[in-house]
């Protein structure tokens, strides 16, 4: 039987088949344990006669023991089947630190934004726990001695510290700033207008080729292509291409849409871009959870021009 550590992240894969002659939307829930605790859900569509591997990201339970694995498959509100995996899963119990009157506590924050980070896995000499909703943790009733403590979460660098646990009157406070894994620098191969002339008030297209690194959890990498001297409010006066978490390092090419109008007042008042010839500029920005965290370049001349007629 497969064995995992408490709190370990794994992906279960189940092959699902639509035996009918029509396409259907499905959902499935994966359970673990004799009391059937729901661990993961998935929604998917299968065409007529189609089979597909469906993935279920699972964080293993903390208590050690043997866990049977079940799967329920649904179409709408109709239960199509209740299945049990051939093999159970074994969670290997984590060793407990020696007992005592000392404690270690603190808050884990994002190294870029300073925002509290929940669900960070904390390992103390093999013992595993997690930060709560506000990034806080508290490991108490342990012996007053030196420990090796590690903080890890997907999308962040792993941080380890040596720390001495102390008792009253001052428990050991250890706050951690967890550095996000920031993608490497992207590149712009080319960007040029699909048409040398576009109609004022109409629609234009920018052909592009860009190189990107792997985009990790929480990040969006955005390329912007806009007219010099005109306010950008994508897709007005500016085309944009964004790459979200899960995008793989490679070169990508395509065509992005923009409107030959600009925002001149709020709320949402637009006017046609005046006739004339404009330089095409490019920017590249990195966002994390909606916050701009890095500008790789800003309004750089691409060497191309667009004429508005």
C-alpha atoms as a PDB file:
ATOM      1  CA  UNK A   1       0.000   0.000   0.000  1.00  0.00           C
ATOM      2  CA  UNK A   2       1.254   3.532  -0.771  1.00  0.00           C
ATOM      3  CA  UNK A   3       2.623   5.460   2.199  1.00  0.00           C
ATOM      4  CA  UNK A   4       2.655   9.243   2.653  1.00  0.00           C
ATOM      5  CA  UNK A   5       3.605  11.787   5.285  1.00  0.00           C
ATOM      6  CA  UNK A   6       0.996  13.829   7.182  1.00  0.00           C
ATOM      7  CA  UNK A   7       0.158  16.993   5.263  1.00  0.00           C
ATOM      8  CA  UNK A   8       1.961  15.835   2.133  1.00  0.00           C
ATOM      9  CA  UNK A   9       0.502  17.162  -1.141  1.00  0.00           C
ATOM     10  CA  UNK A  10      -0.240  14.573  -3.816  1.00  0.00           C
ATOM     11  CA  UNK A  11      -2.437  14.274  -6.906  1.00  0.00           C
ATOM     12  CA  UNK A  12      -4.801  11.337  -7.299  1.00  0.00           C
ATOM     13  CA  UNK A  13      -5.696  10.372 -10.873  1.00  0.00           C
ATOM     14  CA  UNK A  14      -8.880   8.530 -11.839  1.00  0.00           C
ATOM     15  CA  UNK A  15      -9.838   7.538 -15.379  1.00  0.00           C
ATOM     16  CA  UNK A  16     -13.455   8.511 -16.030  1.00  0.00           C
ATOM     17  CA  UNK A  17     -15.473   7.298 -19.033  1.00  0.00           C
ATOM     18  CA  UNK A  18     -18.731   8.447 -20.584  1.00  0.00           C
ATOM     19  CA  UNK A  19     -20.364   5.254 -21.934  1.00  0.00           C
ATOM     20  CA  UNK A  20     -23.278   7.076 -23.554  1.00  0.00           C
ATOM     21  CA  UNK A  21     -23.762   8.450 -27.065  1.00  0.00           C
ATOM     22  CA  UNK A  22     -24.134  12.047 -25.847  1.00  0.00           C
ATOM     23  CA  UNK A  23     -21.770  14.492 -24.089  1.00  0.00           C
ATOM     24  CA  UNK A  24     -22.384  15.121 -20.383  1.00  0.00           C
ATOM     25  CA  UNK A  25     -21.124  17.342 -17.551  1.00  0.00           C
ATOM     26  CA  UNK A  26     -19.899  15.395 -14.542  1.00  0.00           C
ATOM     27  CA  UNK A  27     -18.581  15.989 -11.038  1.00  0.00           C
ATOM     28  CA  UNK A  28     -16.699  13.721  -8.672  1.00  0.00           C
ATOM     29  CA  UNK A  29     -15.650  13.781  -5.024  1.00  0.00           C
ATOM     30  CA  UNK A  30     -12.717  11.908  -3.520  1.00  0.00           C
ATOM     31  CA  UNK A  31     -13.008  10.756   0.102  1.00  0.00           C
ATOM     32  CA  UNK A  32     -10.512   9.280   2.571  1.00  0.00           C
ATOM     33  CA  UNK A  33     -11.080   7.310   5.755  1.00  0.00           C
ATOM     34  CA  UNK A  34     -13.832   5.042   7.043  1.00  0.00           C
ATOM     35  CA  UNK A  35     -15.866   8.139   7.936  1.00  0.00           C
ATOM     36  CA  UNK A  36     -15.464   9.371   4.308  1.00  0.00           C
ATOM     37  CA  UNK A  37     -13.989  12.852   4.721  1.00  0.00           C
ATOM     38  CA  UNK A  38     -14.184  14.783   1.437  1.00  0.00           C
ATOM     39  CA  UNK A  39     -10.643  15.615   0.286  1.00  0.00           C
ATOM     40  CA  UNK A  40     -11.052  16.911  -3.281  1.00  0.00           C
ATOM     41  CA  UNK A  41     -13.678  17.735  -5.906  1.00  0.00           C
ATOM     42  CA  UNK A  42     -13.541  17.944  -9.686  1.00  0.00           C
ATOM     43  CA  UNK A  43     -15.957  19.043 -12.412  1.00  0.00           C
ATOM     44  CA  UNK A  44     -15.426  17.963 -15.996  1.00  0.00           C
ATOM     45  CA  UNK A  45     -17.104  17.273 -19.331  1.00  0.00           C
ATOM     46  CA  UNK A  46     -16.860  14.064 -21.334  1.00  0.00           C
ATOM     47  CA  UNK A  47     -17.896  13.673 -24.934  1.00  0.00           C
ATOM     48  CA  UNK A  48     -19.755  10.645 -26.191  1.00  0.00           C
ATOM     49  CA  UNK A  49     -17.675   7.544 -25.453  1.00  0.00           C
ATOM     50  CA  UNK A  50     -14.760   9.685 -24.226  1.00  0.00           C
ATOM     51  CA  UNK A  51     -12.352   8.648 -21.454  1.00  0.00           C
ATOM     52  CA  UNK A  52     -10.243  11.160 -19.565  1.00  0.00           C
ATOM     53  CA  UNK A  53      -7.814  11.149 -16.629  1.00  0.00           C
ATOM     54  CA  UNK A  54      -9.269  13.394 -13.920  1.00  0.00           C
ATOM     55  CA  UNK A  55      -6.871  14.841 -11.342  1.00  0.00           C
ATOM     56  CA  UNK A  56      -7.678  15.400  -7.671  1.00  0.00           C
ATOM     57  CA  UNK A  57      -5.127  17.480  -5.679  1.00  0.00           C
ATOM     58  CA  UNK A  58      -5.086  16.074  -2.141  1.00  0.00           C
ATOM     59  CA  UNK A  59      -3.402  17.202   1.060  1.00  0.00           C
ATOM     60  CA  UNK A  60      -2.913  14.082   3.163  1.00  0.00           C
ATOM     61  CA  UNK A  61      -4.596  13.983   6.588  1.00  0.00           C
ATOM     62  CA  UNK A  62      -2.456  14.630   9.650  1.00  0.00           C
ATOM     63  CA  UNK A  63      -3.367  11.678  11.922  1.00  0.00           C
ATOM     64  CA  UNK A  64      -1.434   8.543  11.142  1.00  0.00           C
ATOM     65  CA  UNK A  65      -3.196   5.345  10.137  1.00  0.00           C
ATOM     66  CA  UNK A  66      -4.694   3.420   7.238  1.00  0.00           C
ATOM     67  CA  UNK A  67      -7.197   5.260   5.047  1.00  0.00           C
ATOM     68  CA  UNK A  68      -9.497   3.631   2.479  1.00  0.00           C
ATOM     69  CA  UNK A  69     -10.107   5.848  -0.559  1.00  0.00           C
ATOM     70  CA  UNK A  70     -13.541   6.321  -2.149  1.00  0.00           C
ATOM     71  CA  UNK A  71     -14.845   8.174  -5.185  1.00  0.00           C
ATOM     72  CA  UNK A  72     -18.403   9.305  -5.947  1.00  0.00           C
ATOM     73  CA  UNK A  73     -19.280  10.243  -9.534  1.00  0.00           C
ATOM     74  CA  UNK A  74     -22.278  12.459 -10.307  1.00  0.00           C
ATOM     75  CA  UNK A  75     -24.160  13.869 -13.273  1.00  0.00           C
ATOM     76  CA  UNK A  76     -26.170  16.782 -11.972  1.00  0.00           C
ATOM     77  CA  UNK A  77     -27.927  15.488  -8.854  1.00  0.00           C
ATOM     78  CA  UNK A  78     -27.784  11.846  -9.948  1.00  0.00           C
ATOM     79  CA  UNK A  79     -25.213   9.614  -8.257  1.00  0.00           C
ATOM     80  CA  UNK A  80     -23.752   7.447 -11.010  1.00  0.00           C
ATOM     81  CA  UNK A  81     -21.493   5.316  -8.866  1.00  0.00           C
ATOM     82  CA  UNK A  82     -19.722   4.892  -5.526  1.00  0.00           C
ATOM     83  CA  UNK A  83     -16.263   3.359  -5.913  1.00  0.00           C
ATOM     84  CA  UNK A  84     -13.528   2.162  -3.581  1.00  0.00           C
ATOM     85  CA  UNK A  85      -9.851   2.233  -4.555  1.00  0.00           C
ATOM     86  CA  UNK A  86      -8.087  -1.114  -4.835  1.00  0.00           C
ATOM     87  CA  UNK A  87      -5.432  -0.014  -2.327  1.00  0.00           C
ATOM     88  CA  UNK A  88      -5.733   1.879   0.932  1.00  0.00           C
ATOM     89  CA  UNK A  89      -3.384   4.746   1.796  1.00  0.00           C
ATOM     90  CA  UNK A  90      -1.112   4.656   4.842  1.00  0.00           C
ATOM     91  CA  UNK A  91      -0.255   7.893   6.620  1.00  0.00           C
ATOM     92  CA  UNK A  92       2.972   7.421   8.549  1.00  0.00           C
ATOM     93  CA  UNK A  93       2.600   9.038  11.965  1.00  0.00           C
ATOM     94  CA  UNK A  94       4.894  11.981  12.559  1.00  0.00           C
ATOM     95  CA  UNK A  95       7.019  11.791  15.698  1.00  0.00           C
ATOM     96  CA  UNK A  96       5.961  14.172  18.445  1.00  0.00           C
ATOM     97  CA  UNK A  97       8.560  16.529  19.902  1.00  0.00           C
ATOM     98  CA  UNK A  98       9.529  15.838  23.525  1.00  0.00           C
ATOM     99  CA  UNK A  99       6.970  17.231  25.972  1.00  0.00           C
ATOM    100  CA  UNK A 100       7.645  20.145  28.293  1.00  0.00           C
ATOM    101  CA  UNK A 101       6.559  23.657  29.240  1.00  0.00           C
ATOM    102  CA  UNK A 102       8.109  25.593  26.350  1.00  0.00           C
ATOM    103  CA  UNK A 103       6.485  26.944  23.193  1.00  0.00           C
ATOM    104  CA  UNK A 104       7.291  28.468  19.809  1.00  0.00           C
ATOM    105  CA  UNK A 105       4.838  30.824  18.162  1.00  0.00           C
ATOM    106  CA  UNK A 106       4.681  33.438  15.442  1.00  0.00           C
ATOM    107  CA  UNK A 107       3.156  34.672  12.188  1.00  0.00           C
ATOM    108  CA  UNK A 108       4.145  33.800   8.617  1.00  0.00           C
ATOM    109  CA  UNK A 109       3.821  36.574   6.020  1.00  0.00           C
ATOM    110  CA  UNK A 110       4.386  36.970   2.291  1.00  0.00           C
ATOM    111  CA  UNK A 111       7.882  38.310   1.641  1.00  0.00           C
ATOM    112  CA  UNK A 112       6.648  40.662  -1.104  1.00  0.00           C
ATOM    113  CA  UNK A 113       3.290  41.913   0.122  1.00  0.00           C
ATOM    114  CA  UNK A 114       3.579  41.415   3.888  1.00  0.00           C
ATOM    115  CA  UNK A 115       0.170  39.711   3.880  1.00  0.00           C
ATOM    116  CA  UNK A 116      -0.366  36.777   6.265  1.00  0.00           C
ATOM    117  CA  UNK A 117      -0.031  33.356   4.615  1.00  0.00           C
ATOM    118  CA  UNK A 118      -2.369  30.558   5.801  1.00  0.00           C
ATOM    119  CA  UNK A 119      -1.846  26.811   5.313  1.00  0.00           C
ATOM    120  CA  UNK A 120       1.946  26.956   5.455  1.00  0.00           C
ATOM    121  CA  UNK A 121       3.322  23.549   6.432  1.00  0.00           C
ATOM    122  CA  UNK A 122       5.541  23.750   9.507  1.00  0.00           C
ATOM    123  CA  UNK A 123       7.835  20.847  10.302  1.00  0.00           C
ATOM    124  CA  UNK A 124       9.543  20.704  13.697  1.00  0.00           C
ATOM    125  CA  UNK A 125      11.931  17.776  13.903  1.00  0.00           C
ATOM    126  CA  UNK A 126       9.394  15.658  11.977  1.00  0.00           C
ATOM    127  CA  UNK A 127       6.272  17.010  13.725  1.00  0.00           C
ATOM    128  CA  UNK A 128       3.901  18.688  11.232  1.00  0.00           C
ATOM    129  CA  UNK A 129       1.360  21.485  11.696  1.00  0.00           C
ATOM    130  CA  UNK A 130      -0.002  24.390   9.626  1.00  0.00           C
ATOM    131  CA  UNK A 131      -0.505  28.137   9.925  1.00  0.00           C
ATOM    132  CA  UNK A 132      -4.080  29.273  10.561  1.00  0.00           C
ATOM    133  CA  UNK A 133      -6.177  31.730   8.538  1.00  0.00           C
ATOM    134  CA  UNK A 134      -4.201  34.789   9.726  1.00  0.00           C
ATOM    135  CA  UNK A 135      -0.812  33.144   9.232  1.00  0.00           C
ATOM    136  CA  UNK A 136      -0.396  32.409  12.926  1.00  0.00           C
ATOM    137  CA  UNK A 137       0.957  29.240  14.497  1.00  0.00           C
ATOM    138  CA  UNK A 138       1.625  28.011  18.020  1.00  0.00           C
ATOM    139  CA  UNK A 139       3.577  24.895  18.962  1.00  0.00           C
ATOM    140  CA  UNK A 140       3.280  24.479  22.715  1.00  0.00           C
ATOM    141  CA  UNK A 141       3.921  21.959  25.489  1.00  0.00           C
ATOM    142  CA  UNK A 142       7.344  21.048  24.071  1.00  0.00           C
ATOM    143  CA  UNK A 143      10.687  20.651  25.803  1.00  0.00           C
ATOM    144  CA  UNK A 144      12.936  23.695  26.218  1.00  0.00           C
ATOM    145  CA  UNK A 145      15.678  22.818  23.758  1.00  0.00           C
ATOM    146  CA  UNK A 146      17.035  23.528  20.276  1.00  0.00           C
ATOM    147  CA  UNK A 147      14.922  22.520  17.261  1.00  0.00           C
ATOM    148  CA  UNK A 148      15.136  22.661  13.468  1.00  0.00           C
ATOM    149  CA  UNK A 149      11.941  24.224  12.094  1.00  0.00           C
ATOM    150  CA  UNK A 150      10.959  24.405   8.413  1.00  0.00           C
ATOM    151  CA  UNK A 151       8.253  26.451   6.678  1.00  0.00           C
ATOM    152  CA  UNK A 152       7.022  25.413   3.211  1.00  0.00           C
ATOM    153  CA  UNK A 153       4.147  26.089   0.822  1.00  0.00           C
ATOM    154  CA  UNK A 154       3.637  25.751  -2.923  1.00  0.00           C
ATOM    155  CA  UNK A 155       4.682  28.945  -4.712  1.00  0.00           C
ATOM    156  CA  UNK A 156       7.154  29.946  -1.984  1.00  0.00           C
ATOM    157  CA  UNK A 157      10.773  29.230  -1.183  1.00  0.00           C
ATOM    158  CA  UNK A 158      11.245  26.861   1.746  1.00  0.00           C
ATOM    159  CA  UNK A 159      12.687  28.518   4.848  1.00  0.00           C
ATOM    160  CA  UNK A 160      14.435  26.655   7.693  1.00  0.00           C
ATOM    161  CA  UNK A 161      15.654  28.023  11.014  1.00  0.00           C
ATOM    162  CA  UNK A 162      17.388  26.719  14.120  1.00  0.00           C
ATOM    163  CA  UNK A 163      15.443  27.884  17.143  1.00  0.00           C
ATOM    164  CA  UNK A 164      15.554  27.358  20.910  1.00  0.00           C
ATOM    165  CA  UNK A 165      12.161  26.880  22.534  1.00  0.00           C
ATOM    166  CA  UNK A 166      11.726  28.707  25.846  1.00  0.00           C
ATOM    167  CA  UNK A 167       9.060  28.706  28.557  1.00  0.00           C
ATOM    168  CA  UNK A 168       7.423  31.375  30.665  1.00  0.00           C
ATOM    169  CA  UNK A 169       7.632  34.301  31.038  1.00  0.00           C
ATOM    170  CA  UNK A 170       8.708  34.628  27.398  1.00  0.00           C
ATOM    171  CA  UNK A 171       7.766  31.913  24.953  1.00  0.00           C
ATOM    172  CA  UNK A 172       9.897  31.889  21.800  1.00  0.00           C
ATOM    173  CA  UNK A 173       8.507  34.177  19.090  1.00  0.00           C
ATOM    174  CA  UNK A 174       9.581  33.330  15.544  1.00  0.00           C
ATOM    175  CA  UNK A 175       7.991  35.349  12.745  1.00  0.00           C
ATOM    176  CA  UNK A 176       8.815  34.297   9.194  1.00  0.00           C
ATOM    177  CA  UNK A 177       8.790  36.285   5.951  1.00  0.00           C
ATOM    178  CA  UNK A 178       8.305  33.641   3.259  1.00  0.00           C
ATOM    179  CA  UNK A 179       9.847  34.643  -0.118  1.00  0.00           C
ATOM    180  CA  UNK A 180       7.558  33.914  -3.086  1.00  0.00           C
ATOM    181  CA  UNK A 181       9.125  32.075  -6.016  1.00  0.00           C
ATOM    182  CA  UNK A 182       9.322  34.883  -8.573  1.00  0.00           C
ATOM    183  CA  UNK A 183       9.522  33.931 -12.264  1.00  0.00           C
ATOM    184  CA  UNK A 184      12.706  34.783 -14.167  1.00  0.00           C
ATOM    185  CA  UNK A 185      12.816  37.638 -16.660  1.00  0.00           C
ATOM    186  CA  UNK A 186      10.503  37.397 -19.706  1.00  0.00           C
ATOM    187  CA  UNK A 187      11.443  38.534 -23.225  1.00  0.00           C
ATOM    188  CA  UNK A 188       9.741  40.268 -26.150  1.00  0.00           C
ATOM    189  CA  UNK A 189      10.735  38.831 -29.538  1.00  0.00           C
ATOM    190  CA  UNK A 190       8.477  41.078 -31.612  1.00  0.00           C
ATOM    191  CA  UNK A 191       5.239  43.049 -31.596  1.00  0.00           C
ATOM    192  CA  UNK A 192       3.783  44.756 -34.665  1.00  0.00           C
ATOM    193  CA  UNK A 193       0.348  45.843 -35.927  1.00  0.00           C
ATOM    194  CA  UNK A 194      -1.513  43.337 -38.062  1.00  0.00           C
ATOM    195  CA  UNK A 195      -2.638  46.318 -40.198  1.00  0.00           C
ATOM    196  CA  UNK A 196      -0.491  49.406 -40.795  1.00  0.00           C
ATOM    197  CA  UNK A 197      -3.667  51.526 -40.777  1.00  0.00           C
ATOM    198  CA  UNK A 198      -6.673  51.210 -38.478  1.00  0.00           C
ATOM    199  CA  UNK A 199      -9.939  53.150 -38.417  1.00  0.00           C
ATOM    200  CA  UNK A 200     -10.517  55.560 -35.557  1.00  0.00           C
ATOM    201  CA  UNK A 201     -13.151  53.990 -33.315  1.00  0.00           C
ATOM    202  CA  UNK A 202     -12.596  50.575 -34.863  1.00  0.00           C
ATOM    203  CA  UNK A 203     -10.762  47.405 -33.815  1.00  0.00           C
ATOM    204  CA  UNK A 204      -7.096  46.559 -34.315  1.00  0.00           C
ATOM    205  CA  UNK A 205      -4.807  43.595 -33.740  1.00  0.00           C
ATOM    206  CA  UNK A 206      -1.229  43.299 -32.526  1.00  0.00           C
ATOM    207  CA  UNK A 207       0.822  40.299 -33.631  1.00  0.00           C
ATOM    208  CA  UNK A 208       3.339  39.243 -31.015  1.00  0.00           C
ATOM    209  CA  UNK A 209       5.896  36.670 -29.983  1.00  0.00           C
ATOM    210  CA  UNK A 210       7.079  36.560 -26.388  1.00  0.00           C
ATOM    211  CA  UNK A 211       9.174  34.296 -24.206  1.00  0.00           C
ATOM    212  CA  UNK A 212       8.100  33.522 -20.653  1.00  0.00           C
ATOM    213  CA  UNK A 213       9.437  31.529 -17.688  1.00  0.00           C
ATOM    214  CA  UNK A 214       7.291  29.093 -15.711  1.00  0.00           C
ATOM    215  CA  UNK A 215       4.469  31.042 -14.062  1.00  0.00           C
ATOM    216  CA  UNK A 216       4.060  29.862 -10.479  1.00  0.00           C
ATOM    217  CA  UNK A 217       1.066  29.865  -8.149  1.00  0.00           C
ATOM    218  CA  UNK A 218      -0.546  33.259  -7.585  1.00  0.00           C
ATOM    219  CA  UNK A 219       1.237  35.099 -10.418  1.00  0.00           C
ATOM    220  CA  UNK A 220       0.062  36.708 -13.663  1.00  0.00           C
ATOM    221  CA  UNK A 221       2.600  37.923 -16.221  1.00  0.00           C
ATOM    222  CA  UNK A 222       1.155  40.611 -18.487  1.00  0.00           C
ATOM    223  CA  UNK A 223       2.453  42.055 -21.762  1.00  0.00           C
ATOM    224  CA  UNK A 224       0.922  45.376 -22.862  1.00  0.00           C
ATOM    225  CA  UNK A 225       1.094  46.938 -26.344  1.00  0.00           C
ATOM    226  CA  UNK A 226      -0.239  50.471 -26.655  1.00  0.00           C
ATOM    227  CA  UNK A 227      -0.019  53.778 -28.492  1.00  0.00           C
ATOM    228  CA  UNK A 228       2.401  56.493 -27.412  1.00  0.00           C
ATOM    229  CA  UNK A 229       0.747  59.584 -25.969  1.00  0.00           C
ATOM    230  CA  UNK A 230      -2.647  57.915 -25.478  1.00  0.00           C
ATOM    231  CA  UNK A 231      -3.990  56.750 -22.103  1.00  0.00           C
ATOM    232  CA  UNK A 232      -3.922  52.941 -21.856  1.00  0.00           C
ATOM    233  CA  UNK A 233      -6.915  51.161 -20.378  1.00  0.00           C
ATOM    234  CA  UNK A 234      -6.790  47.709 -21.876  1.00  0.00           C
ATOM    235  CA  UNK A 235      -8.179  46.832 -24.354  1.00  0.00           C
ATOM    236  CA  UNK A 236      -8.775  50.536 -25.165  1.00  0.00           C
ATOM    237  CA  UNK A 237      -5.701  52.024 -26.891  1.00  0.00           C
ATOM    238  CA  UNK A 238      -3.792  48.979 -25.645  1.00  0.00           C
ATOM    239  CA  UNK A 239      -3.706  45.247 -26.377  1.00  0.00           C
ATOM    240  CA  UNK A 240      -2.709  42.867 -23.615  1.00  0.00           C
ATOM    241  CA  UNK A 241      -1.584  39.259 -23.343  1.00  0.00           C
ATOM    242  CA  UNK A 242      -1.439  37.592 -19.935  1.00  0.00           C
ATOM    243  CA  UNK A 243      -0.010  34.297 -18.745  1.00  0.00           C
ATOM    244  CA  UNK A 244      -1.398  32.812 -15.543  1.00  0.00           C
ATOM    245  CA  UNK A 245      -0.212  30.282 -12.976  1.00  0.00           C
ATOM    246  CA  UNK A 246       0.629  26.980 -14.644  1.00  0.00           C
ATOM    247  CA  UNK A 247       1.883  28.471 -17.927  1.00  0.00           C
ATOM    248  CA  UNK A 248       5.135  26.755 -18.890  1.00  0.00           C
ATOM    249  CA  UNK A 249       8.415  28.334 -19.977  1.00  0.00           C
ATOM    250  CA  UNK A 250       8.380  28.655 -23.759  1.00  0.00           C
ATOM    251  CA  UNK A 251       7.920  31.075 -26.629  1.00  0.00           C
ATOM    252  CA  UNK A 252       4.345  32.009 -27.495  1.00  0.00           C
ATOM    253  CA  UNK A 253       2.989  33.888 -30.492  1.00  0.00           C
ATOM    254  CA  UNK A 254      -0.432  35.098 -31.471  1.00  0.00           C
ATOM    255  CA  UNK A 255      -2.614  38.132 -32.106  1.00  0.00           C
ATOM    256  CA  UNK A 256      -4.146  40.392 -29.425  1.00  0.00           C
ATOM    257  CA  UNK A 257      -7.183  42.635 -29.891  1.00  0.00           C
ATOM    258  CA  UNK A 258      -7.383  46.343 -29.055  1.00  0.00           C
ATOM    259  CA  UNK A 259      -9.977  49.068 -29.586  1.00  0.00           C
ATOM    260  CA  UNK A 260      -9.070  52.298 -31.394  1.00  0.00           C
ATOM    261  CA  UNK A 261     -10.638  54.324 -28.597  1.00  0.00           C
ATOM    262  CA  UNK A 262      -9.417  55.723 -25.283  1.00  0.00           C
ATOM    263  CA  UNK A 263     -10.833  56.392 -21.822  1.00  0.00           C
ATOM    264  CA  UNK A 264     -11.072  60.150 -21.319  1.00  0.00           C
ATOM    265  CA  UNK A 265     -13.262  60.403 -18.219  1.00  0.00           C
ATOM    266  CA  UNK A 266     -14.835  58.281 -15.525  1.00  0.00           C
ATOM    267  CA  UNK A 267     -17.073  56.472 -15.174  1.00  0.00           C
ATOM    268  CA  UNK A 268     -16.189  54.728 -18.429  1.00  0.00           C
ATOM    269  CA  UNK A 269     -16.423  57.485 -21.017  1.00  0.00           C
ATOM    270  CA  UNK A 270     -14.607  56.710 -24.251  1.00  0.00           C
ATOM    271  CA  UNK A 271     -13.693  58.677 -27.365  1.00  0.00           C
ATOM    272  CA  UNK A 272     -12.231  57.698 -30.707  1.00  0.00           C
ATOM    273  CA  UNK A 273      -8.458  58.011 -30.950  1.00  0.00           C
ATOM    274  CA  UNK A 274      -7.561  61.066 -33.099  1.00  0.00           C
ATOM    275  CA  UNK A 275      -6.214  60.452 -36.566  1.00  0.00           C
ATOM    276  CA  UNK A 276      -2.441  60.396 -36.845  1.00  0.00           C
ATOM    277  CA  UNK A 277       0.612  58.157 -36.685  1.00  0.00           C
ATOM    278  CA  UNK A 278       1.639  56.710 -33.309  1.00  0.00           C
ATOM    279  CA  UNK A 279       4.588  54.713 -32.092  1.00  0.00           C
ATOM    280  CA  UNK A 280       3.741  51.268 -30.693  1.00  0.00           C
ATOM    281  CA  UNK A 281       5.096  50.864 -27.158  1.00  0.00           C
ATOM    282  CA  UNK A 282       5.423  47.794 -24.937  1.00  0.00           C
ATOM    283  CA  UNK A 283       5.302  47.157 -21.186  1.00  0.00           C
ATOM    284  CA  UNK A 284       5.671  43.963 -19.166  1.00  0.00           C
ATOM    285  CA  UNK A 285       4.355  43.620 -15.608  1.00  0.00           C
ATOM    286  CA  UNK A 286       4.161  40.887 -12.989  1.00  0.00           C
ATOM    287  CA  UNK A 287       1.179  40.660 -10.629  1.00  0.00           C
ATOM    288  CA  UNK A 288       0.729  38.496  -7.574  1.00  0.00           C
ATOM    289  CA  UNK A 289      -2.786  38.009  -6.219  1.00  0.00           C
ATOM    290  CA  UNK A 290      -3.858  41.177  -8.041  1.00  0.00           C
ATOM    291  CA  UNK A 291      -0.960  43.345  -6.791  1.00  0.00           C
ATOM    292  CA  UNK A 292       1.736  44.703  -9.098  1.00  0.00           C
ATOM    293  CA  UNK A 293       5.028  43.360  -7.737  1.00  0.00           C
ATOM    294  CA  UNK A 294       7.478  43.915 -10.600  1.00  0.00           C
ATOM    295  CA  UNK A 295       7.751  45.965 -13.795  1.00  0.00           C
ATOM    296  CA  UNK A 296      10.224  44.395 -16.241  1.00  0.00           C
ATOM    297  CA  UNK A 297       9.983  47.272 -18.709  1.00  0.00           C
ATOM    298  CA  UNK A 298       7.607  50.185 -19.205  1.00  0.00           C
ATOM    299  CA  UNK A 299       6.448  51.789 -22.478  1.00  0.00           C
ATOM    300  CA  UNK A 300       9.499  50.796 -24.487  1.00  0.00           C
ATOM    301  CA  UNK A 301       9.496  51.608 -28.206  1.00  0.00           C
ATOM    302  CA  UNK A 302       8.967  48.466 -30.306  1.00  0.00           C
ATOM    303  CA  UNK A 303      10.185  50.204 -33.468  1.00  0.00           C
ATOM    304  CA  UNK A 304       6.729  49.840 -35.020  1.00  0.00           C
ATOM    305  CA  UNK A 305       4.135  52.518 -35.878  1.00  0.00           C
ATOM    306  CA  UNK A 306       0.354  52.519 -36.291  1.00  0.00           C
ATOM    307  CA  UNK A 307      -1.561  55.023 -38.385  1.00  0.00           C
ATOM    308  CA  UNK A 308      -5.091  55.884 -37.278  1.00  0.00           C
ATOM    309  CA  UNK A 309      -7.309  57.040 -40.129  1.00  0.00           C
END
